[in-house]
Structures are given as structure tokens and as C-alpha cells.
Amino acid sequence: MRQLFRTHPFASSGFVMAAAVTLFFVIRIVWSAVYWANHHDETVKPWMTVGYIGKSWHLDPMEIDTLAGLPGPKGHGPWTIKEIAASRGVAVSLVIKEVNDVIATLQAKKAASHD
């Protein structure tokens, strides 16, 4: 093994770096798959963003935004449900109810399209 590194230092280093990068992405993909397998159809909470909700429910976040009348991301990144409620000056529970209604509508539309 040492002989290989001595005779081909650049190729050996390149291989080790490529293997490390590959391992990083494999771990990242597996972690993501395991995480989302255990976090589907989650109850909407104030800390969630519309993107998170969309991914959890397998729905398009832009469609959720449009149907619920929610503002899209502005400035510092995606807004949480709590931030959206604060910007509207309404209770968080009202925004959560609107999002839940939209989820139910989109789920029904999705089920009807599969029939």
C-alpha cells in the first residue's frame, strides 16, 4: 500500500479524496432518506416553513402558498408559520388552520387524480 502512495502520490491522493467525497454524499443521501421516511404527513407546527410542510406531505410548497394566500420567502429566507402569522397580525392557529385546509384540498385533488 505504501509503495502505491510512493509511486503514484497524486493519483493515490486523488482516489482518497474522491472516495471521501463519495462517502460524504452517500451518508447525506441515506440520512435524508431515513429522516423523511420518519417525518411524513407531520402535524403543522408554528416552527415549520411551507417548504418543510410541502416536503413532509409530498405537496408543492408554491401551491400551498398560493391557495392559503401565504407570502413567499422574502429577505432572510423562508418564513415560518409563526412569522407569517405575525406579519399578518393574526393568530398562529388561524394560519395553521388555513394550511391544514389547503393540505386537505390538495390531498383530495391528488387522490382524485390517481383514480
PDB file of N, CA and C in Angstrom:
ATOM      1  N   MET A   1       0.824  -1.191   0.000  1.00  0.00           N
ATOM      2  CA  MET A   1       0.000   0.000   0.000  1.00  0.00           C
ATOM      3  C   MET A   1       0.869   1.257   0.000  1.00  0.00           C
ATOM      4  N   ARG A   2       1.899   1.257   0.859  1.00  0.00           N
ATOM      5  CA  ARG A   2       2.794   2.412   0.900  1.00  0.00           C
ATOM      6  C   ARG A   2       3.512   2.594  -0.426  1.00  0.00           C
ATOM      7  N   GLN A   3       3.806   1.497  -1.034  1.00  0.00           N
ATOM      8  CA  GLN A   3       4.504   1.545  -2.333  1.00  0.00           C
ATOM      9  C   GLN A   3       3.644   2.277  -3.361  1.00  0.00           C
ATOM     10  N   LEU A   4       2.338   2.025  -3.336  1.00  0.00           N
ATOM     11  CA  LEU A   4       1.412   2.680  -4.270  1.00  0.00           C
ATOM     12  C   LEU A   4       1.397   4.193  -4.049  1.00  0.00           C
ATOM     13  N   PHE A   5       1.369   4.617  -2.790  1.00  0.00           N
ATOM     14  CA  PHE A   5       1.378   6.051  -2.487  1.00  0.00           C
ATOM     15  C   PHE A   5       2.713   6.691  -2.869  1.00  0.00           C
ATOM     16  N   ARG A   6       3.801   5.936  -2.737  1.00  0.00           N
ATOM     17  CA  ARG A   6       5.113   6.489  -3.099  1.00  0.00           C
ATOM     18  C   ARG A   6       5.286   6.603  -4.606  1.00  0.00           C
ATOM     19  N   THR A   7       4.787   5.606  -5.322  1.00  0.00           N
ATOM     20  CA  THR A   7       4.992   5.630  -6.771  1.00  0.00           C
ATOM     21  C   THR A   7       3.983   6.511  -7.491  1.00  0.00           C
ATOM     22  N   HIS A   8       2.784   6.649  -6.954  1.00  0.00           N
ATOM     23  CA  HIS A   8       1.730   7.459  -7.584  1.00  0.00           C
ATOM     24  C   HIS A   8       1.066   8.369  -6.538  1.00  0.00           C
ATOM     25  N   PRO A   9       1.770   9.367  -6.047  1.00  0.00           N
ATOM     26  CA  PRO A   9       1.207  10.180  -4.967  1.00  0.00           C
ATOM     27  C   PRO A   9      -0.023  10.988  -5.387  1.00  0.00           C
ATOM     28  N   PHE A  10      -0.021  11.547  -6.566  1.00  0.00           N
ATOM     29  CA  PHE A  10      -1.162  12.364  -6.998  1.00  0.00           C
ATOM     30  C   PHE A  10      -2.383  11.506  -7.289  1.00  0.00           C
ATOM     31  N   ALA A  11      -2.190  10.394  -7.972  1.00  0.00           N
ATOM     32  CA  ALA A  11      -3.311   9.507  -8.282  1.00  0.00           C
ATOM     33  C   ALA A  11      -3.893   8.908  -6.996  1.00  0.00           C
ATOM     34  N   SER A  12      -3.023   8.522  -6.076  1.00  0.00           N
ATOM     35  CA  SER A  12      -3.483   7.948  -4.808  1.00  0.00           C
ATOM     36  C   SER A  12      -4.241   8.980  -3.986  1.00  0.00           C
ATOM     37  N   SER A  13      -3.704  10.199  -3.922  1.00  0.00           N
ATOM     38  CA  SER A  13      -4.375  11.267  -3.182  1.00  0.00           C
ATOM     39  C   SER A  13      -5.716  11.599  -3.822  1.00  0.00           C
ATOM     40  N   GLY A  14      -5.743  11.637  -5.142  1.00  0.00           N
ATOM     41  CA  GLY A  14      -6.995  11.904  -5.854  1.00  0.00           C
ATOM     42  C   GLY A  14      -8.036  10.836  -5.577  1.00  0.00           C
ATOM     43  N   PHE A  15      -7.589   9.585  -5.551  1.00  0.00           N
ATOM     44  CA  PHE A  15      -8.513   8.491  -5.258  1.00  0.00           C
ATOM     45  C   PHE A  15      -9.071   8.606  -3.843  1.00  0.00           C
ATOM     46  N   VAL A  16      -8.223   8.887  -2.879  1.00  0.00           N
ATOM     47  CA  VAL A  16      -8.655   9.009  -1.489  1.00  0.00           C
ATOM     48  C   VAL A  16      -9.646  10.170  -1.345  1.00  0.00           C
ATOM     49  N   MET A  17      -9.343  11.296  -1.996  1.00  0.00           N
ATOM     50  CA  MET A  17     -10.261  12.441  -1.925  1.00  0.00           C
ATOM     51  C   MET A  17     -11.597  12.119  -2.595  1.00  0.00           C
ATOM     52  N   ALA A  18     -11.570  11.458  -3.751  1.00  0.00           N
ATOM     53  CA  ALA A  18     -12.808  11.086  -4.439  1.00  0.00           C
ATOM     54  C   ALA A  18     -13.627  10.112  -3.591  1.00  0.00           C
ATOM     55  N   ALA A  19     -12.949   9.181  -2.936  1.00  0.00           N
ATOM     56  CA  ALA A  19     -13.648   8.230  -2.072  1.00  0.00           C
ATOM     57  C   ALA A  19     -14.272   8.947  -0.872  1.00  0.00           C
ATOM     58  N   ALA A  20     -13.573   9.922  -0.315  1.00  0.00           N
ATOM     59  CA  ALA A  20     -14.110  10.678   0.828  1.00  0.00           C
ATOM     60  C   ALA A  20     -15.330  11.495   0.428  1.00  0.00           C
ATOM     61  N   VAL A  21     -15.273  12.140  -0.729  1.00  0.00           N
ATOM     62  CA  VAL A  21     -16.415  12.927  -1.211  1.00  0.00           C
ATOM     63  C   VAL A  21     -17.603  12.012  -1.491  1.00  0.00           C
ATOM     64  N   THR A  22     -17.342  10.867  -2.107  1.00  0.00           N
ATOM     65  CA  THR A  22     -18.406   9.904  -2.383  1.00  0.00           C
ATOM     66  C   THR A  22     -19.046   9.416  -1.092  1.00  0.00           C
ATOM     67  N   LEU A  23     -18.228   9.103  -0.110  1.00  0.00           N
ATOM     68  CA  LEU A  23     -18.741   8.655   1.179  1.00  0.00           C
ATOM     69  C   LEU A  23     -19.593   9.733   1.834  1.00  0.00           C
ATOM     70  N   PHE A  24     -19.159  10.990   1.750  1.00  0.00           N
ATOM     71  CA  PHE A  24     -19.928  12.098   2.304  1.00  0.00           C
ATOM     72  C   PHE A  24     -21.321  12.160   1.689  1.00  0.00           C
ATOM     73  N   PHE A  25     -21.395  12.078   0.365  1.00  0.00           N
ATOM     74  CA  PHE A  25     -22.697  12.179  -0.293  1.00  0.00           C
ATOM     75  C   PHE A  25     -23.565  10.949  -0.060  1.00  0.00           C
ATOM     76  N   VAL A  26     -22.976   9.787   0.051  1.00  0.00           N
ATOM     77  CA  VAL A  26     -23.748   8.583   0.360  1.00  0.00           C
ATOM     78  C   VAL A  26     -24.366   8.710   1.751  1.00  0.00           C
ATOM     79  N   ILE A  27     -23.575   9.160   2.721  1.00  0.00           N
ATOM     80  CA  ILE A  27     -24.099   9.340   4.083  1.00  0.00           C
ATOM     81  C   ILE A  27     -25.200  10.389   4.088  1.00  0.00           C
ATOM     82  N   ARG A  28     -25.009  11.454   3.344  1.00  0.00           N
ATOM     83  CA  ARG A  28     -26.007  12.524   3.296  1.00  0.00           C
ATOM     84  C   ARG A  28     -27.330  12.036   2.676  1.00  0.00           C
ATOM     85  N   ILE A  29     -27.249  11.267   1.610  1.00  0.00           N
ATOM     86  CA  ILE A  29     -28.453  10.730   0.956  1.00  0.00           C
ATOM     87  C   ILE A  29     -29.171   9.749   1.880  1.00  0.00           C
ATOM     88  N   VAL A  30     -28.421   8.870   2.518  1.00  0.00           N
ATOM     89  CA  VAL A  30     -29.031   7.887   3.424  1.00  0.00           C
ATOM     90  C   VAL A  30     -29.687   8.602   4.600  1.00  0.00           C
ATOM     91  N   TRP A  31     -28.993   9.597   5.186  1.00  0.00           N
ATOM     92  CA  TRP A  31     -29.562  10.348   6.303  1.00  0.00           C
ATOM     93  C   TRP A  31     -30.862  11.031   5.881  1.00  0.00           C
ATOM     94  N   SER A  32     -30.851  11.666   4.717  1.00  0.00           N
ATOM     95  CA  SER A  32     -32.045  12.356   4.228  1.00  0.00           C
ATOM     96  C   SER A  32     -33.196  11.379   4.002  1.00  0.00           C
ATOM     97  N   ALA A  33     -32.906  10.244   3.414  1.00  0.00           N
ATOM     98  CA  ALA A  33     -33.947   9.242   3.160  1.00  0.00           C
ATOM     99  C   ALA A  33     -34.544   8.727   4.463  1.00  0.00           C
ATOM    100  N   VAL A  34     -33.704   8.444   5.435  1.00  0.00           N
ATOM    101  CA  VAL A  34     -34.194   7.953   6.725  1.00  0.00           C
ATOM    102  C   VAL A  34     -35.001   9.042   7.436  1.00  0.00           C
ATOM    103  N   TYR A  35     -34.506  10.279   7.406  1.00  0.00           N
ATOM    104  CA  TYR A  35     -35.209  11.381   8.067  1.00  0.00           C
ATOM    105  C   TYR A  35     -36.605  11.561   7.489  1.00  0.00           C
ATOM    106  N   TRP A  36     -36.719  11.674   6.158  1.00  0.00           N
ATOM    107  CA  TRP A  36     -38.024  11.939   5.551  1.00  0.00           C
ATOM    108  C   TRP A  36     -38.938  10.715   5.582  1.00  0.00           C
ATOM    109  N   ALA A  37     -38.380   9.531   5.715  1.00  0.00           N
ATOM    110  CA  ALA A  37     -39.220   8.338   5.867  1.00  0.00           C
ATOM    111  C   ALA A  37     -39.934   8.360   7.213  1.00  0.00           C
ATOM    112  N   ASN A  38     -39.326   9.031   8.204  1.00  0.00           N
ATOM    113  CA  ASN A  38     -39.910   9.097   9.538  1.00  0.00           C
ATOM    114  C   ASN A  38     -40.612  10.424   9.822  1.00  0.00           C
ATOM    115  N   HIS A  39     -40.636  11.332   8.851  1.00  0.00           N
ATOM    116  CA  HIS A  39     -41.250  12.645   9.066  1.00  0.00           C
ATOM    117  C   HIS A  39     -42.229  12.990   7.946  1.00  0.00           C
ATOM    118  N   HIS A  40     -43.075  12.060   7.588  1.00  0.00           N
ATOM    119  CA  HIS A  40     -44.063  12.344   6.554  1.00  0.00           C
ATOM    120  C   HIS A  40     -45.424  12.605   7.197  1.00  0.00           C
ATOM    121  N   ASP A  41     -46.194  13.436   6.534  1.00  0.00           N
ATOM    122  CA  ASP A  41     -47.535  13.812   6.995  1.00  0.00           C
ATOM    123  C   ASP A  41     -47.524  14.323   8.441  1.00  0.00           C
ATOM    124  N   GLU A  42     -46.575  15.189   8.742  1.00  0.00           N
ATOM    125  CA  GLU A  42     -46.472  15.737  10.096  1.00  0.00           C
ATOM    126  C   GLU A  42     -47.542  16.789  10.352  1.00  0.00           C
ATOM    127  N   THR A  43     -47.975  16.865  11.591  1.00  0.00           N
ATOM    128  CA  THR A  43     -48.913  17.903  12.016  1.00  0.00           C
ATOM    129  C   THR A  43     -48.225  19.256  11.869  1.00  0.00           C
ATOM    130  N   VAL A  44     -48.935  20.222  11.314  1.00  0.00           N
ATOM    131  CA  VAL A  44     -48.364  21.549  11.086  1.00  0.00           C
ATOM    132  C   VAL A  44     -48.113  22.233  12.432  1.00  0.00           C
ATOM    133  N   LYS A  45     -46.888  22.726  12.605  1.00  0.00           N
ATOM    134  CA  LYS A  45     -46.478  23.404  13.839  1.00  0.00           C
ATOM    135  C   LYS A  45     -45.964  24.799  13.485  1.00  0.00           C
ATOM    136  N   PRO A  46     -45.973  25.732  14.449  1.00  0.00           N
ATOM    137  CA  PRO A  46     -45.556  27.110  14.175  1.00  0.00           C
ATOM    138  C   PRO A  46     -44.124  27.263  13.659  1.00  0.00           C
ATOM    139  N   TRP A  47     -43.204  26.366  14.011  1.00  0.00           N
ATOM    140  CA  TRP A  47     -41.809  26.488  13.603  1.00  0.00           C
ATOM    141  C   TRP A  47     -41.562  26.043  12.163  1.00  0.00           C
ATOM    142  N   MET A  48     -42.537  25.388  11.555  1.00  0.00           N
ATOM    143  CA  MET A  48     -42.351  24.839  10.206  1.00  0.00           C
ATOM    144  C   MET A  48     -42.433  25.917   9.138  1.00  0.00           C
ATOM    145  N   THR A  49     -41.664  25.706   8.073  1.00  0.00           N
ATOM    146  CA  THR A  49     -41.792  26.554   6.891  1.00  0.00           C
ATOM    147  C   THR A  49     -42.731  25.857   5.921  1.00  0.00           C
ATOM    148  N   VAL A  50     -43.207  26.596   4.942  1.00  0.00           N
ATOM    149  CA  VAL A  50     -44.105  25.997   3.948  1.00  0.00           C
ATOM    150  C   VAL A  50     -43.357  24.939   3.143  1.00  0.00           C
ATOM    151  N   GLY A  51     -42.070  25.164   2.894  1.00  0.00           N
ATOM    152  CA  GLY A  51     -41.265  24.159   2.185  1.00  0.00           C
ATOM    153  C   GLY A  51     -41.184  22.852   2.948  1.00  0.00           C
ATOM    154  N   TYR A  52     -40.991  22.941   4.249  1.00  0.00           N
ATOM    155  CA  TYR A  52     -40.930  21.745   5.096  1.00  0.00           C
ATOM    156  C   TYR A  52     -42.271  21.016   5.068  1.00  0.00           C
ATOM    157  N   ILE A  53     -43.346  21.778   5.183  1.00  0.00           N
ATOM    158  CA  ILE A  53     -44.686  21.182   5.149  1.00  0.00           C
ATOM    159  C   ILE A  53     -44.924  20.489   3.812  1.00  0.00           C
ATOM    160  N   GLY A  54     -44.551  21.162   2.729  1.00  0.00           N
ATOM    161  CA  GLY A  54     -44.719  20.576   1.405  1.00  0.00           C
ATOM    162  C   GLY A  54     -43.949  19.277   1.252  1.00  0.00           C
ATOM    163  N   LYS A  55     -42.705  19.264   1.742  1.00  0.00           N
ATOM    164  CA  LYS A  55     -41.896  18.052   1.625  1.00  0.00           C
ATOM    165  C   LYS A  55     -42.470  16.930   2.492  1.00  0.00           C
ATOM    166  N   SER A  56     -42.933  17.282   3.683  1.00  0.00           N
ATOM    167  CA  SER A  56     -43.498  16.285   4.582  1.00  0.00           C
ATOM    168  C   SER A  56     -44.762  15.654   3.999  1.00  0.00           C
ATOM    169  N   TRP A  57     -45.590  16.466   3.353  1.00  0.00           N
ATOM    170  CA  TRP A  57     -46.867  15.985   2.813  1.00  0.00           C
ATOM    171  C   TRP A  57     -46.776  15.605   1.333  1.00  0.00           C
ATOM    172  N   HIS A  58     -45.595  15.701   0.742  1.00  0.00           N
ATOM    173  CA  HIS A  58     -45.389  15.405  -0.687  1.00  0.00           C
ATOM    174  C   HIS A  58     -46.275  16.296  -1.560  1.00  0.00           C
ATOM    175  N   LEU A  59     -46.282  17.595  -1.228  1.00  0.00           N
ATOM    176  CA  LEU A  59     -47.073  18.578  -1.966  1.00  0.00           C
ATOM    177  C   LEU A  59     -46.159  19.712  -2.415  1.00  0.00           C
ATOM    178  N   ASP A  60     -46.599  20.447  -3.418  1.00  0.00           N
ATOM    179  CA  ASP A  60     -45.832  21.575  -3.927  1.00  0.00           C
ATOM    180  C   ASP A  60     -45.987  22.770  -2.978  1.00  0.00           C
ATOM    181  N   PRO A  61     -44.884  23.249  -2.371  1.00  0.00           N
ATOM    182  CA  PRO A  61     -44.980  24.383  -1.454  1.00  0.00           C
ATOM    183  C   PRO A  61     -45.545  25.644  -2.104  1.00  0.00           C
ATOM    184  N   MET A  62     -45.258  25.849  -3.380  1.00  0.00           N
ATOM    185  CA  MET A  62     -45.782  27.029  -4.076  1.00  0.00           C
ATOM    186  C   MET A  62     -47.308  26.960  -4.164  1.00  0.00           C
ATOM    187  N   GLU A  63     -47.837  25.758  -4.355  1.00  0.00           N
ATOM    188  CA  GLU A  63     -49.288  25.581  -4.404  1.00  0.00           C
ATOM    189  C   GLU A  63     -49.907  25.864  -3.030  1.00  0.00           C
ATOM    190  N   ILE A  64     -49.229  25.418  -1.983  1.00  0.00           N
ATOM    191  CA  ILE A  64     -49.708  25.692  -0.622  1.00  0.00           C
ATOM    192  C   ILE A  64     -49.722  27.199  -0.394  1.00  0.00           C
ATOM    193  N   ASP A  65     -48.619  27.869  -0.766  1.00  0.00           N
ATOM    194  CA  ASP A  65     -48.530  29.332  -0.632  1.00  0.00           C
ATOM    195  C   ASP A  65     -49.684  30.023  -1.345  1.00  0.00           C
ATOM    196  N   THR A  66     -49.918  29.623  -2.586  1.00  0.00           N
ATOM    197  CA  THR A  66     -50.934  30.280  -3.406  1.00  0.00           C
ATOM    198  C   THR A  66     -52.336  30.059  -2.844  1.00  0.00           C
ATOM    199  N   LEU A  67     -52.683  28.816  -2.563  1.00  0.00           N
ATOM    200  CA  LEU A  67     -54.035  28.509  -2.096  1.00  0.00           C
ATOM    201  C   LEU A  67     -54.327  29.053  -0.696  1.00  0.00           C
ATOM    202  N   ALA A  68     -53.301  29.115   0.150  1.00  0.00           N
ATOM    203  CA  ALA A  68     -53.511  29.631   1.509  1.00  0.00           C
ATOM    204  C   ALA A  68     -53.302  31.136   1.580  1.00  0.00           C
ATOM    205  N   GLY A  69     -52.840  31.727   0.482  1.00  0.00           N
ATOM    206  CA  GLY A  69     -52.601  33.170   0.472  1.00  0.00           C
ATOM    207  C   GLY A  69     -51.434  33.572   1.355  1.00  0.00           C
ATOM    208  N   LEU A  70     -50.411  32.731   1.398  1.00  0.00           N
ATOM    209  CA  LEU A  70     -49.255  33.000   2.240  1.00  0.00           C
ATOM    210  C   LEU A  70     -48.194  33.750   1.448  1.00  0.00           C
ATOM    211  N   PRO A  71     -47.433  34.596   2.120  1.00  0.00           N
ATOM    212  CA  PRO A  71     -46.350  35.288   1.417  1.00  0.00           C
ATOM    213  C   PRO A  71     -45.207  34.326   1.133  1.00  0.00           C
ATOM    214  N   GLY A  72     -44.556  34.508   0.015  1.00  0.00           N
ATOM    215  CA  GLY A  72     -43.389  33.699  -0.301  1.00  0.00           C
ATOM    216  C   GLY A  72     -42.184  34.183   0.493  1.00  0.00           C
ATOM    217  N   PRO A  73     -41.049  33.510   0.336  1.00  0.00           N
ATOM    218  CA  PRO A  73     -39.849  33.913   1.068  1.00  0.00           C
ATOM    219  C   PRO A  73     -39.415  35.326   0.695  1.00  0.00           C
ATOM    220  N   LYS A  74     -39.079  36.107   1.705  1.00  0.00           N
ATOM    221  CA  LYS A  74     -38.602  37.466   1.475  1.00  0.00           C
ATOM    222  C   LYS A  74     -37.459  37.747   2.430  1.00  0.00           C
ATOM    223  N   GLY A  75     -36.418  38.303   1.923  1.00  0.00           N
ATOM    224  CA  GLY A  75     -35.326  38.750   2.776  1.00  0.00           C
ATOM    225  C   GLY A  75     -34.483  37.644   3.360  1.00  0.00           C
ATOM    226  N   HIS A  76     -34.733  37.284   4.597  1.00  0.00           N
ATOM    227  CA  HIS A  76     -33.847  36.385   5.339  1.00  0.00           C
ATOM    228  C   HIS A  76     -34.054  34.901   5.061  1.00  0.00           C
ATOM    229  N   GLY A  77     -34.902  34.543   4.159  1.00  0.00           N
ATOM    230  CA  GLY A  77     -35.136  33.133   3.856  1.00  0.00           C
ATOM    231  C   GLY A  77     -36.591  32.773   4.037  1.00  0.00           C
ATOM    232  N   PRO A  78     -36.908  31.490   3.979  1.00  0.00           N
ATOM    233  CA  PRO A  78     -38.306  31.068   4.118  1.00  0.00           C
ATOM    234  C   PRO A  78     -38.880  31.454   5.480  1.00  0.00           C
ATOM    235  N   TRP A  79     -40.121  31.860   5.463  1.00  0.00           N
ATOM    236  CA  TRP A  79     -40.801  32.256   6.695  1.00  0.00           C
ATOM    237  C   TRP A  79     -41.408  31.040   7.361  1.00  0.00           C
ATOM    238  N   THR A  80     -41.403  31.056   8.684  1.00  0.00           N
ATOM    239  CA  THR A  80     -42.109  30.016   9.423  1.00  0.00           C
ATOM    240  C   THR A  80     -43.584  30.403   9.510  1.00  0.00           C
ATOM    241  N   ILE A  81     -44.409  29.457   9.901  1.00  0.00           N
ATOM    242  CA  ILE A  81     -45.834  29.727  10.077  1.00  0.00           C
ATOM    243  C   ILE A  81     -46.022  30.837  11.116  1.00  0.00           C
ATOM    244  N   LYS A  82     -45.228  30.813  12.167  1.00  0.00           N
ATOM    245  CA  LYS A  82     -45.299  31.829  13.220  1.00  0.00           C
ATOM    246  C   LYS A  82     -44.970  33.220  12.659  1.00  0.00           C
ATOM    247  N   GLU A  83     -43.951  33.318  11.810  1.00  0.00           N
ATOM    248  CA  GLU A  83     -43.582  34.603  11.203  1.00  0.00           C
ATOM    249  C   GLU A  83     -44.661  35.095  10.244  1.00  0.00           C
ATOM    250  N   ILE A  84     -45.266  34.165   9.516  1.00  0.00           N
ATOM    251  CA  ILE A  84     -46.344  34.538   8.592  1.00  0.00           C
ATOM    252  C   ILE A  84     -47.526  35.109   9.382  1.00  0.00           C
ATOM    253  N   ALA A  85     -47.885  34.440  10.486  1.00  0.00           N
ATOM    254  CA  ALA A  85     -48.994  34.910  11.321  1.00  0.00           C
ATOM    255  C   ALA A  85     -48.676  36.297  11.891  1.00  0.00           C
ATOM    256  N   ALA A  86     -47.457  36.494  12.348  1.00  0.00           N
ATOM    257  CA  ALA A  86     -47.059  37.787  12.910  1.00  0.00           C
ATOM    258  C   ALA A  86     -47.109  38.886  11.849  1.00  0.00           C
ATOM    259  N   SER A  87     -46.678  38.563  10.625  1.00  0.00           N
ATOM    260  CA  SER A  87     -46.697  39.579   9.561  1.00  0.00           C
ATOM    261  C   SER A  87     -48.125  39.953   9.168  1.00  0.00           C
ATOM    262  N   ARG A  88     -49.043  39.015   9.312  1.00  0.00           N
ATOM    263  CA  ARG A  88     -50.459  39.286   9.014  1.00  0.00           C
ATOM    264  C   ARG A  88     -51.187  39.905  10.194  1.00  0.00           C
ATOM    265  N   GLY A  89     -50.634  39.768  11.375  1.00  0.00           N
ATOM    266  CA  GLY A  89     -51.294  40.264  12.578  1.00  0.00           C
ATOM    267  C   GLY A  89     -52.454  39.380  13.016  1.00  0.00           C
ATOM    268  N   VAL A  90     -52.327  38.070  12.762  1.00  0.00           N
ATOM    269  CA  VAL A  90     -53.381  37.119  13.152  1.00  0.00           C
ATOM    270  C   VAL A  90     -52.780  36.038  14.047  1.00  0.00           C
ATOM    271  N   ALA A  91     -53.638  35.243  14.632  1.00  0.00           N
ATOM    272  CA  ALA A  91     -53.182  34.150  15.494  1.00  0.00           C
ATOM    273  C   ALA A  91     -52.526  33.047  14.661  1.00  0.00           C
ATOM    274  N   VAL A  92     -51.534  32.404  15.247  1.00  0.00           N
ATOM    275  CA  VAL A  92     -50.839  31.299  14.576  1.00  0.00           C
ATOM    276  C   VAL A  92     -51.825  30.185  14.250  1.00  0.00           C
ATOM    277  N   SER A  93     -52.764  29.942  15.146  1.00  0.00           N
ATOM    278  CA  SER A  93     -53.736  28.867  14.937  1.00  0.00           C
ATOM    279  C   SER A  93     -54.576  29.105  13.681  1.00  0.00           C
ATOM    280  N   LEU A  94     -54.844  30.357  13.338  1.00  0.00           N
ATOM    281  CA  LEU A  94     -55.599  30.667  12.125  1.00  0.00           C
ATOM    282  C   LEU A  94     -54.809  30.285  10.875  1.00  0.00           C
ATOM    283  N   VAL A  95     -53.530  30.618  10.855  1.00  0.00           N
ATOM    284  CA  VAL A  95     -52.683  30.274   9.705  1.00  0.00           C
ATOM    285  C   VAL A  95     -52.536  28.754   9.608  1.00  0.00           C
ATOM    286  N   ILE A  96     -52.370  28.086  10.746  1.00  0.00           N
ATOM    287  CA  ILE A  96     -52.266  26.619  10.745  1.00  0.00           C
ATOM    288  C   ILE A  96     -53.553  26.008  10.202  1.00  0.00           C
ATOM    289  N   LYS A  97     -54.708  26.550  10.595  1.00  0.00           N
ATOM    290  CA  LYS A  97     -55.985  26.044  10.081  1.00  0.00           C
ATOM    291  C   LYS A  97     -56.065  26.223   8.568  1.00  0.00           C
ATOM    292  N   GLU A  98     -55.648  27.387   8.076  1.00  0.00           N
ATOM    293  CA  GLU A  98     -55.664  27.640   6.627  1.00  0.00           C
ATOM    294  C   GLU A  98     -54.760  26.646   5.897  1.00  0.00           C
ATOM    295  N   VAL A  99     -53.568  26.418   6.445  1.00  0.00           N
ATOM    296  CA  VAL A  99     -52.634  25.473   5.824  1.00  0.00           C
ATOM    297  C   VAL A  99     -53.209  24.057   5.860  1.00  0.00           C
ATOM    298  N   ASN A 100     -53.807  23.666   6.974  1.00  0.00           N
ATOM    299  CA  ASN A 100     -54.428  22.335   7.064  1.00  0.00           C
ATOM    300  C   ASN A 100     -55.568  22.176   6.061  1.00  0.00           C
ATOM    301  N   ASP A 101     -56.360  23.225   5.867  1.00  0.00           N
ATOM    302  CA  ASP A 101     -57.437  23.182   4.874  1.00  0.00           C
ATOM    303  C   ASP A 101     -56.878  23.001   3.470  1.00  0.00           C
ATOM    304  N   VAL A 102     -55.792  23.714   3.179  1.00  0.00           N
ATOM    305  CA  VAL A 102     -55.159  23.597   1.859  1.00  0.00           C
ATOM    306  C   VAL A 102     -54.573  22.198   1.676  1.00  0.00           C
ATOM    307  N   ILE A 103     -53.949  21.662   2.720  1.00  0.00           N
ATOM    308  CA  ILE A 103     -53.400  20.301   2.641  1.00  0.00           C
ATOM    309  C   ILE A 103     -54.517  19.314   2.329  1.00  0.00           C
ATOM    310  N   ALA A 104     -55.643  19.438   3.010  1.00  0.00           N
ATOM    311  CA  ALA A 104     -56.778  18.536   2.766  1.00  0.00           C
ATOM    312  C   ALA A 104     -57.277  18.668   1.331  1.00  0.00           C
ATOM    313  N   THR A 105     -57.361  19.904   0.838  1.00  0.00           N
ATOM    314  CA  THR A 105     -57.809  20.140  -0.538  1.00  0.00           C
ATOM    315  C   THR A 105     -56.843  19.507  -1.539  1.00  0.00           C
ATOM    316  N   LEU A 106     -55.547  19.742  -1.338  1.00  0.00           N
ATOM    317  CA  LEU A 106     -54.547  19.199  -2.269  1.00  0.00           C
ATOM    318  C   LEU A 106     -54.473  17.674  -2.195  1.00  0.00           C
ATOM    319  N   GLN A 107     -54.640  17.117  -1.000  1.00  0.00           N
ATOM    320  CA  GLN A 107     -54.649  15.660  -0.858  1.00  0.00           C
ATOM    321  C   GLN A 107     -55.843  15.053  -1.587  1.00  0.00           C
ATOM    322  N   ALA A 108     -57.002  15.709  -1.468  1.00  0.00           N
ATOM    323  CA  ALA A 108     -58.198  15.220  -2.163  1.00  0.00           C
ATOM    324  C   ALA A 108     -58.013  15.309  -3.674  1.00  0.00           C
ATOM    325  N   LYS A 109     -57.424  16.411  -4.132  1.00  0.00           N
ATOM    326  CA  LYS A 109     -57.170  16.569  -5.566  1.00  0.00           C
ATOM    327  C   LYS A 109     -56.173  15.515  -6.061  1.00  0.00           C
ATOM    328  N   LYS A 110     -55.175  15.236  -5.249  1.00  0.00           N
ATOM    329  CA  LYS A 110     -54.160  14.225  -5.577  1.00  0.00           C
ATOM    330  C   LYS A 110     -54.792  12.829  -5.648  1.00  0.00           C
ATOM    331  N   ALA A 111     -55.668  12.532  -4.680  1.00  0.00           N
ATOM    332  CA  ALA A 111     -56.348  11.227  -4.657  1.00  0.00           C
ATOM    333  C   ALA A 111     -57.282  11.081  -5.855  1.00  0.00           C
ATOM    334  N   ALA A 112     -57.974  12.163  -6.213  1.00  0.00           N
ATOM    335  CA  ALA A 112     -58.898  12.118  -7.352  1.00  0.00           C
ATOM    336  C   ALA A 112     -58.134  11.916  -8.672  1.00  0.00           C
ATOM    337  N   SER A 113     -56.938  12.465  -8.751  1.00  0.00           N
ATOM    338  CA  SER A 113     -56.173  12.326  -9.996  1.00  0.00           C
ATOM    339  C   SER A 113     -55.588  10.920 -10.147  1.00  0.00           C
ATOM    340  N   HIS A 114     -55.429  10.200  -9.031  1.00  0.00           N
ATOM    341  CA  HIS A 114     -54.909   8.832  -9.088  1.00  0.00           C
ATOM    342  C   HIS A 114     -55.993   7.807  -9.390  1.00  0.00           C
ATOM    343  N   ASP A 115     -57.244   8.204  -9.285  1.00  0.00           N
ATOM    344  CA  ASP A 115     -58.349   7.280  -9.549  1.00  0.00           C
ATOM    345  C   ASP A 115     -58.686   7.210 -11.017  1.00  0.00           C
TER     346      ASP A 115
END
